[in-house]
Amino acid sequence: FSSYRMGWFRQAPGKEREFVAAISRYGSSTYYGD
């Protein structure tokens, strides 16, 4: 698990799947959708 970069996406009815957040393998870096 610690070797995987992980992310969250979301999808609302009638909309495309949207990027929400991501985190590096050790949690040192995070990224967020606007």
All heavy atoms as atom14 arrays in JSON, in Angstrom:
{
  "sequence": "FSSYRMGWFRQAPGKEREFVAAISRYGSSTYYGD",
  "atom14_mask": [
    [1, 1, 1, 1, 1, 1, 1, 1, 1, 1, 1, 0, 0, 0],
    [1, 1, 1, 1, 1, 1, 0, 0, 0, 0, 0, 0, 0, 0],
    [1, 1, 1, 1, 1, 1, 0, 0, 0, 0, 0, 0, 0, 0],
    [1, 1, 1, 1, 1, 1, 1, 1, 1, 1, 1, 1, 0, 0],
    [1, 1, 1, 1, 1, 1, 1, 1, 1, 1, 1, 0, 0, 0],
    [1, 1, 1, 1, 1, 1, 1, 1, 0, 0, 0, 0, 0, 0],
    [1, 1, 1, 1, 0, 0, 0, 0, 0, 0, 0, 0, 0, 0],
    [1, 1, 1, 1, 1, 1, 1, 1, 1, 1, 1, 1, 1, 1],
    [1, 1, 1, 1, 1, 1, 1, 1, 1, 1, 1, 0, 0, 0],
    [1, 1, 1, 1, 1, 1, 1, 1, 1, 1, 1, 0, 0, 0],
    [1, 1, 1, 1, 1, 1, 1, 1, 1, 0, 0, 0, 0, 0],
    [1, 1, 1, 1, 1, 0, 0, 0, 0, 0, 0, 0, 0, 0],
    [1, 1, 1, 1, 1, 1, 1, 0, 0, 0, 0, 0, 0, 0],
    [1, 1, 1, 1, 0, 0, 0, 0, 0, 0, 0, 0, 0, 0],
    [1, 1, 1, 1, 1, 1, 1, 1, 1, 0, 0, 0, 0, 0],
    [1, 1, 1, 1, 1, 1, 1, 1, 1, 0, 0, 0, 0, 0],
    [1, 1, 1, 1, 1, 1, 1, 1, 1, 1, 1, 0, 0, 0],
    [1, 1, 1, 1, 1, 1, 1, 1, 1, 0, 0, 0, 0, 0],
    [1, 1, 1, 1, 1, 1, 1, 1, 1, 1, 1, 0, 0, 0],
    [1, 1, 1, 1, 1, 1, 1, 0, 0, 0, 0, 0, 0, 0],
    [1, 1, 1, 1, 1, 0, 0, 0, 0, 0, 0, 0, 0, 0],
    [1, 1, 1, 1, 1, 0, 0, 0, 0, 0, 0, 0, 0, 0],
    [1, 1, 1, 1, 1, 1, 1, 1, 0, 0, 0, 0, 0, 0],
    [1, 1, 1, 1, 1, 1, 0, 0, 0, 0, 0, 0, 0, 0],
    [1, 1, 1, 1, 1, 1, 1, 1, 1, 1, 1, 0, 0, 0],
    [1, 1, 1, 1, 1, 1, 1, 1, 1, 1, 1, 1, 0, 0],
    [1, 1, 1, 1, 0, 0, 0, 0, 0, 0, 0, 0, 0, 0],
    [1, 1, 1, 1, 1, 1, 0, 0, 0, 0, 0, 0, 0, 0],
    [1, 1, 1, 1, 1, 1, 0, 0, 0, 0, 0, 0, 0, 0],
    [1, 1, 1, 1, 1, 1, 1, 0, 0, 0, 0, 0, 0, 0],
    [1, 1, 1, 1, 1, 1, 1, 1, 1, 1, 1, 1, 0, 0],
    [1, 1, 1, 1, 1, 1, 1, 1, 1, 1, 1, 1, 0, 0],
    [1, 1, 1, 1, 0, 0, 0, 0, 0, 0, 0, 0, 0, 0],
    [1, 1, 1, 1, 1, 1, 1, 1, 0, 0, 0, 0, 0, 0]
  ],
  "atom14_positions": [
    [[0.81, -1.21, 0.0], [0.0, 0.0, 0.0], [0.85, 1.26, 0.0], [0.52, 2.25, -0.66], [-0.94, 0.0, 1.2], [-1.81, 1.21, 1.3], [-2.87, 1.39, 0.43], [-1.57, 2.18, 2.27], [-3.68, 2.51, 0.51], [-2.38, 3.29, 2.37], [-3.44, 3.46, 1.48], [0.0, 0.0, 0.0], [0.0, 0.0, 0.0], [0.0, 0.0, 0.0]],
    [[1.95, 1.25, 0.74], [2.78, 2.44, 0.85], [3.45, 2.82, -0.46], [3.98, 3.93, -0.57], [3.84, 2.26, 1.94], [4.72, 1.2, 1.62], [0.0, 0.0, 0.0], [0.0, 0.0, 0.0], [0.0, 0.0, 0.0], [0.0, 0.0, 0.0], [0.0, 0.0, 0.0], [0.0, 0.0, 0.0], [0.0, 0.0, 0.0], [0.0, 0.0, 0.0]],
    [[3.45, 1.94, -1.44], [4.05, 2.25, -2.73], [3.05, 2.84, -3.72], [3.43, 3.17, -4.84], [4.69, 1.0, -3.34], [3.71, 0.04, -3.7], [0.0, 0.0, 0.0], [0.0, 0.0, 0.0], [0.0, 0.0, 0.0], [0.0, 0.0, 0.0], [0.0, 0.0, 0.0], [0.0, 0.0, 0.0], [0.0, 0.0, 0.0], [0.0, 0.0, 0.0]],
    [[1.78, 2.98, -3.31], [0.74, 3.46, -4.21], [0.42, 4.93, -3.95], [0.24, 5.34, -2.8], [-0.56, 2.67, -4.03], [-0.42, 1.17, -4.12], [-1.31, 0.35, -3.42], [0.56, 0.57, -4.88], [-1.2, -1.02, -3.49], [0.68, -0.8, -4.95], [-0.22, -1.59, -4.26], [-0.11, -2.97, -4.33], [0.0, 0.0, 0.0], [0.0, 0.0, 0.0]],
    [[0.31, 5.69, -5.02], [-0.29, 7.01, -4.93], [-1.8, 6.82, -4.96], [-2.33, 6.07, -5.78], [0.17, 7.9, -6.08], [-0.36, 9.31, -6.0], [0.39, 10.23, -6.94], [0.22, 9.84, -8.33], [0.88, 10.4, -9.34], [1.76, 11.37, -9.1], [0.67, 9.99, -10.58], [0.0, 0.0, 0.0], [0.0, 0.0, 0.0], [0.0, 0.0, 0.0]],
    [[-2.5, 7.5, -4.06], [-3.93, 7.31, -3.91], [-4.7, 8.57, -4.27], [-4.2, 9.69, -4.09], [-4.28, 6.9, -2.48], [-3.58, 5.64, -1.99], [-4.07, 4.16, -2.92], [-5.83, 4.08, -2.51], [0.0, 0.0, 0.0], [0.0, 0.0, 0.0], [0.0, 0.0, 0.0], [0.0, 0.0, 0.0], [0.0, 0.0, 0.0], [0.0, 0.0, 0.0]],
    [[-5.92, 8.38, -4.74], [-6.74, 9.52, -5.12], [-8.21, 9.3, -4.81], [-8.66, 8.18, -4.58], [0.0, 0.0, 0.0], [0.0, 0.0, 0.0], [0.0, 0.0, 0.0], [0.0, 0.0, 0.0], [0.0, 0.0, 0.0], [0.0, 0.0, 0.0], [0.0, 0.0, 0.0], [0.0, 0.0, 0.0], [0.0, 0.0, 0.0], [0.0, 0.0, 0.0]],
    [[-8.94, 10.41, -4.79], [-10.4, 10.4, -4.66], [-11.0, 11.13, -5.85], [-10.52, 12.2, -6.24], [-10.86, 11.1, -3.37], [-10.67, 10.31, -2.12], [-9.63, 10.36, -1.25], [-11.58, 9.34, -1.58], [-9.82, 9.5, -0.21], [-11.02, 8.86, -0.38], [-12.83, 8.85, -1.99], [-11.65, 7.9, 0.41], [-13.45, 7.89, -1.2], [-12.86, 7.43, -0.02]],
    [[-12.03, 10.55, -6.43], [-12.8, 11.15, -7.49], [-14.27, 11.14, -7.09], [-14.67, 10.41, -6.19], [-12.62, 10.39, -8.81], [-11.29, 10.59, -9.48], [-10.15, 10.02, -8.95], [-11.18, 11.35, -10.63], [-8.91, 10.19, -9.56], [-9.95, 11.52, -11.26], [-8.82, 10.94, -10.72], [0.0, 0.0, 0.0], [0.0, 0.0, 0.0], [0.0, 0.0, 0.0]],
    [[-15.07, 11.92, -7.79], [-16.5, 11.89, -7.56], [-17.24, 12.06, -8.87], [-16.72, 12.64, -9.83], [-16.93, 12.98, -6.57], [-16.77, 14.4, -7.09], [-17.08, 15.4, -5.99], [-17.02, 16.78, -6.46], [-17.16, 17.84, -5.68], [-17.39, 17.68, -4.37], [-17.09, 19.07, -6.19], [0.0, 0.0, 0.0], [0.0, 0.0, 0.0], [0.0, 0.0, 0.0]],
    [[-18.46, 11.55, -8.91], [-19.27, 11.64, -10.11], [-20.72, 11.87, -9.72], [-21.33, 11.05, -9.04], [-19.14, 10.38, -10.97], [-19.79, 10.49, -12.33], [-19.33, 9.4, -13.28], [-18.87, 8.35, -12.85], [-19.46, 9.64, -14.57], [0.0, 0.0, 0.0], [0.0, 0.0, 0.0], [0.0, 0.0, 0.0], [0.0, 0.0, 0.0], [0.0, 0.0, 0.0]],
    [[-21.26, 12.99, -10.17], [-22.65, 13.33, -9.95], [-23.48, 12.91, -11.16], [-22.94, 12.77, -12.26], [-22.8, 14.83, -9.7], [0.0, 0.0, 0.0], [0.0, 0.0, 0.0], [0.0, 0.0, 0.0], [0.0, 0.0, 0.0], [0.0, 0.0, 0.0], [0.0, 0.0, 0.0], [0.0, 0.0, 0.0], [0.0, 0.0, 0.0], [0.0, 0.0, 0.0]],
    [[-24.78, 12.71, -10.98], [-25.63, 12.32, -12.11], [-25.52, 13.29, -13.27], [-25.63, 14.51, -13.08], [-27.03, 12.32, -11.51], [-26.81, 12.05, -10.06], [-25.53, 12.77, -9.73], [0.0, 0.0, 0.0], [0.0, 0.0, 0.0], [0.0, 0.0, 0.0], [0.0, 0.0, 0.0], [0.0, 0.0, 0.0], [0.0, 0.0, 0.0], [0.0, 0.0, 0.0]],
    [[-25.29, 12.77, -14.46], [-25.2, 13.6, -15.64], [-23.9, 14.35, -15.81], [-23.77, 15.14, -16.75], [0.0, 0.0, 0.0], [0.0, 0.0, 0.0], [0.0, 0.0, 0.0], [0.0, 0.0, 0.0], [0.0, 0.0, 0.0], [0.0, 0.0, 0.0], [0.0, 0.0, 0.0], [0.0, 0.0, 0.0], [0.0, 0.0, 0.0], [0.0, 0.0, 0.0]],
    [[-22.93, 14.12, -14.94], [-21.65, 14.81, -15.02], [-20.51, 13.81, -15.16], [-20.65, 12.64, -14.85], [-21.43, 15.68, -13.77], [-22.46, 16.78, -13.58], [-22.17, 17.61, -12.35], [-20.87, 18.37, -12.47], [-20.62, 19.24, -11.29], [0.0, 0.0, 0.0], [0.0, 0.0, 0.0], [0.0, 0.0, 0.0], [0.0, 0.0, 0.0], [0.0, 0.0, 0.0]],
    [[-19.38, 14.32, -15.63], [-18.2, 13.48, -15.77], [-17.54, 13.25, -14.42], [-17.74, 14.02, -13.47], [-17.2, 14.13, -16.73], [-17.69, 14.3, -18.15], [-16.65, 14.94, -19.05], [-15.56, 15.29, -18.56], [-16.92, 15.07, -20.25], [0.0, 0.0, 0.0], [0.0, 0.0, 0.0], [0.0, 0.0, 0.0], [0.0, 0.0, 0.0], [0.0, 0.0, 0.0]],
    [[-16.77, 12.18, -14.35], [-16.04, 11.9, -13.12], [-15.02, 13.01, -12.88], [-14.24, 13.37, -13.78], [-15.36, 10.54, -13.19], [-14.78, 10.07, -11.86], [-14.46, 8.58, -11.88], [-15.65, 7.78, -12.08], [-15.7, 6.46, -11.93], [-14.6, 5.79, -11.58], [-16.82, 5.8, -12.14], [0.0, 0.0, 0.0], [0.0, 0.0, 0.0], [0.0, 0.0, 0.0]],
    [[-14.99, 13.55, -11.68], [-14.22, 14.73, -11.34], [-13.14, 14.4, -10.31], [-13.4, 13.72, -9.32], [-15.14, 15.82, -10.8], [-14.44, 17.08, -10.32], [-15.38, 18.04, -9.61], [-16.45, 17.58, -9.14], [-15.07, 19.24, -9.54], [0.0, 0.0, 0.0], [0.0, 0.0, 0.0], [0.0, 0.0, 0.0], [0.0, 0.0, 0.0], [0.0, 0.0, 0.0]],
    [[-11.95, 14.93, -10.53], [-10.86, 14.77, -9.57], [-11.14, 15.55, -8.31], [-11.53, 16.72, -8.36], [-9.54, 15.23, -10.19], [-8.41, 15.31, -9.22], [-7.8, 14.16, -8.76], [-7.95, 16.54, -8.75], [-6.75, 14.22, -7.85], [-6.91, 16.61, -7.85], [-6.31, 15.44, -7.4], [0.0, 0.0, 0.0], [0.0, 0.0, 0.0], [0.0, 0.0, 0.0]],
    [[-10.93, 14.92, -7.16], [-11.17, 15.56, -5.88], [-9.87, 15.81, -5.13], [-9.58, 16.94, -4.72], [-12.12, 14.71, -5.0], [-12.25, 15.33, -3.61], [-13.48, 14.59, -5.66], [0.0, 0.0, 0.0], [0.0, 0.0, 0.0], [0.0, 0.0, 0.0], [0.0, 0.0, 0.0], [0.0, 0.0, 0.0], [0.0, 0.0, 0.0], [0.0, 0.0, 0.0]],
    [[-9.08, 14.76, -4.94], [-7.85, 14.89, -4.16], [-6.93, 13.72, -4.44], [-7.36, 12.65, -4.88], [-8.16, 14.96, -2.66], [0.0, 0.0, 0.0], [0.0, 0.0, 0.0], [0.0, 0.0, 0.0], [0.0, 0.0, 0.0], [0.0, 0.0, 0.0], [0.0, 0.0, 0.0], [0.0, 0.0, 0.0], [0.0, 0.0, 0.0], [0.0, 0.0, 0.0]],
    [[-5.64, 13.91, -4.16], [-4.65, 12.86, -4.3], [-3.58, 13.03, -3.23], [-3.38, 14.12, -2.71], [-4.02, 12.87, -5.7], [0.0, 0.0, 0.0], [0.0, 0.0, 0.0], [0.0, 0.0, 0.0], [0.0, 0.0, 0.0], [0.0, 0.0, 0.0], [0.0, 0.0, 0.0], [0.0, 0.0, 0.0], [0.0, 0.0, 0.0], [0.0, 0.0, 0.0]],
    [[-2.89, 11.94, -2.94], [-1.85, 11.96, -1.92], [-0.71, 11.05, -2.33], [-0.92, 9.97, -2.89], [-2.43, 11.55, -0.54], [-1.41, 11.77, 0.58], [-2.93, 10.11, -0.57], [-2.03, 11.68, 1.97], [0.0, 0.0, 0.0], [0.0, 0.0, 0.0], [0.0, 0.0, 0.0], [0.0, 0.0, 0.0], [0.0, 0.0, 0.0], [0.0, 0.0, 0.0]],
    [[0.52, 11.49, -2.07], [1.7, 10.71, -2.41], [1.8, 9.49, -1.5], [1.08, 9.36, -0.51], [2.95, 11.57, -2.31], [3.13, 12.07, -1.0], [0.0, 0.0, 0.0], [0.0, 0.0, 0.0], [0.0, 0.0, 0.0], [0.0, 0.0, 0.0], [0.0, 0.0, 0.0], [0.0, 0.0, 0.0], [0.0, 0.0, 0.0], [0.0, 0.0, 0.0]],
    [[2.72, 8.59, -1.82], [2.75, 7.3, -1.15], [3.01, 7.39, 0.35], [2.51, 6.56, 1.12], [3.78, 6.38, -1.81], [5.21, 6.91, -1.79], [6.14, 5.9, -2.45], [7.54, 6.32, -2.39], [8.55, 5.54, -2.74], [8.33, 4.32, -3.2], [9.8, 6.01, -2.65], [0.0, 0.0, 0.0], [0.0, 0.0, 0.0], [0.0, 0.0, 0.0]],
    [[3.76, 8.37, 0.79], [4.02, 8.52, 2.22], [3.25, 9.69, 2.83], [3.43, 10.0, 4.02], [5.51, 8.7, 2.48], [6.32, 7.47, 2.13], [7.29, 7.5, 1.13], [6.1, 6.27, 2.79], [8.02, 6.37, 0.81], [6.82, 5.13, 2.47], [7.79, 5.19, 1.48], [8.51, 4.05, 1.16], [0.0, 0.0, 0.0], [0.0, 0.0, 0.0]],
    [[2.42, 10.33, 2.05], [1.6, 11.4, 2.56], [2.27, 12.75, 2.64], [1.7, 13.69, 3.2], [0.0, 0.0, 0.0], [0.0, 0.0, 0.0], [0.0, 0.0, 0.0], [0.0, 0.0, 0.0], [0.0, 0.0, 0.0], [0.0, 0.0, 0.0], [0.0, 0.0, 0.0], [0.0, 0.0, 0.0], [0.0, 0.0, 0.0], [0.0, 0.0, 0.0]],
    [[3.45, 12.88, 2.07], [4.18, 14.14, 2.16], [3.62, 15.21, 1.24], [3.82, 16.4, 1.48], [5.66, 13.92, 1.86], [5.84, 13.36, 0.57], [0.0, 0.0, 0.0], [0.0, 0.0, 0.0], [0.0, 0.0, 0.0], [0.0, 0.0, 0.0], [0.0, 0.0, 0.0], [0.0, 0.0, 0.0], [0.0, 0.0, 0.0], [0.0, 0.0, 0.0]],
    [[2.91, 14.8, 0.18], [2.35, 15.75, -0.78], [0.88, 15.45, -0.99], [0.48, 14.29, -1.11], [3.09, 15.68, -2.11], [4.46, 16.02, -1.96], [0.0, 0.0, 0.0], [0.0, 0.0, 0.0], [0.0, 0.0, 0.0], [0.0, 0.0, 0.0], [0.0, 0.0, 0.0], [0.0, 0.0, 0.0], [0.0, 0.0, 0.0], [0.0, 0.0, 0.0]],
    [[0.07, 16.5, -1.05], [-1.35, 16.36, -1.32], [-1.76, 17.32, -2.41], [-1.14, 18.37, -2.61], [-2.2, 16.63, -0.06], [-1.9, 17.94, 0.44], [-1.89, 15.6, 1.01], [0.0, 0.0, 0.0], [0.0, 0.0, 0.0], [0.0, 0.0, 0.0], [0.0, 0.0, 0.0], [0.0, 0.0, 0.0], [0.0, 0.0, 0.0], [0.0, 0.0, 0.0]],
    [[-2.84, 16.98, -3.12], [-3.33, 17.76, -4.23], [-4.85, 17.78, -4.18], [-5.48, 16.8, -3.8], [-2.86, 17.17, -5.56], [-1.39, 16.83, -5.58], [-0.94, 15.6, -5.13], [-0.45, 17.74, -6.06], [0.41, 15.28, -5.13], [0.9, 17.43, -6.07], [1.33, 16.2, -5.61], [2.67, 15.89, -5.62], [0.0, 0.0, 0.0], [0.0, 0.0, 0.0]],
    [[-5.45, 18.91, -4.58], [-6.89, 19.06, -4.5], [-7.45, 19.72, -5.75], [-6.82, 20.58, -6.36], [-7.27, 19.9, -3.29], [-6.87, 19.28, -1.98], [-5.66, 19.62, -1.38], [-7.68, 18.35, -1.35], [-5.28, 19.05, -0.18], [-7.3, 17.77, -0.15], [-6.09, 18.12, 0.43], [-5.71, 17.54, 1.61], [0.0, 0.0, 0.0], [0.0, 0.0, 0.0]],
    [[-8.65, 19.31, -6.11], [-9.36, 19.98, -7.16], [-9.81, 21.36, -6.71], [-10.02, 21.6, -5.52], [0.0, 0.0, 0.0], [0.0, 0.0, 0.0], [0.0, 0.0, 0.0], [0.0, 0.0, 0.0], [0.0, 0.0, 0.0], [0.0, 0.0, 0.0], [0.0, 0.0, 0.0], [0.0, 0.0, 0.0], [0.0, 0.0, 0.0], [0.0, 0.0, 0.0]],
    [[-9.97, 22.27, -7.66], [-10.32, 23.64, -7.33], [-11.64, 23.74, -6.56], [-11.79, 24.61, -5.7], [-10.4, 24.49, -8.6], [-9.05, 24.72, -9.24], [-8.03, 24.59, -8.54], [-9.02, 25.05, -10.44], [0.0, 0.0, 0.0], [0.0, 0.0, 0.0], [0.0, 0.0, 0.0], [0.0, 0.0, 0.0], [0.0, 0.0, 0.0], [0.0, 0.0, 0.0]]
  ]
}
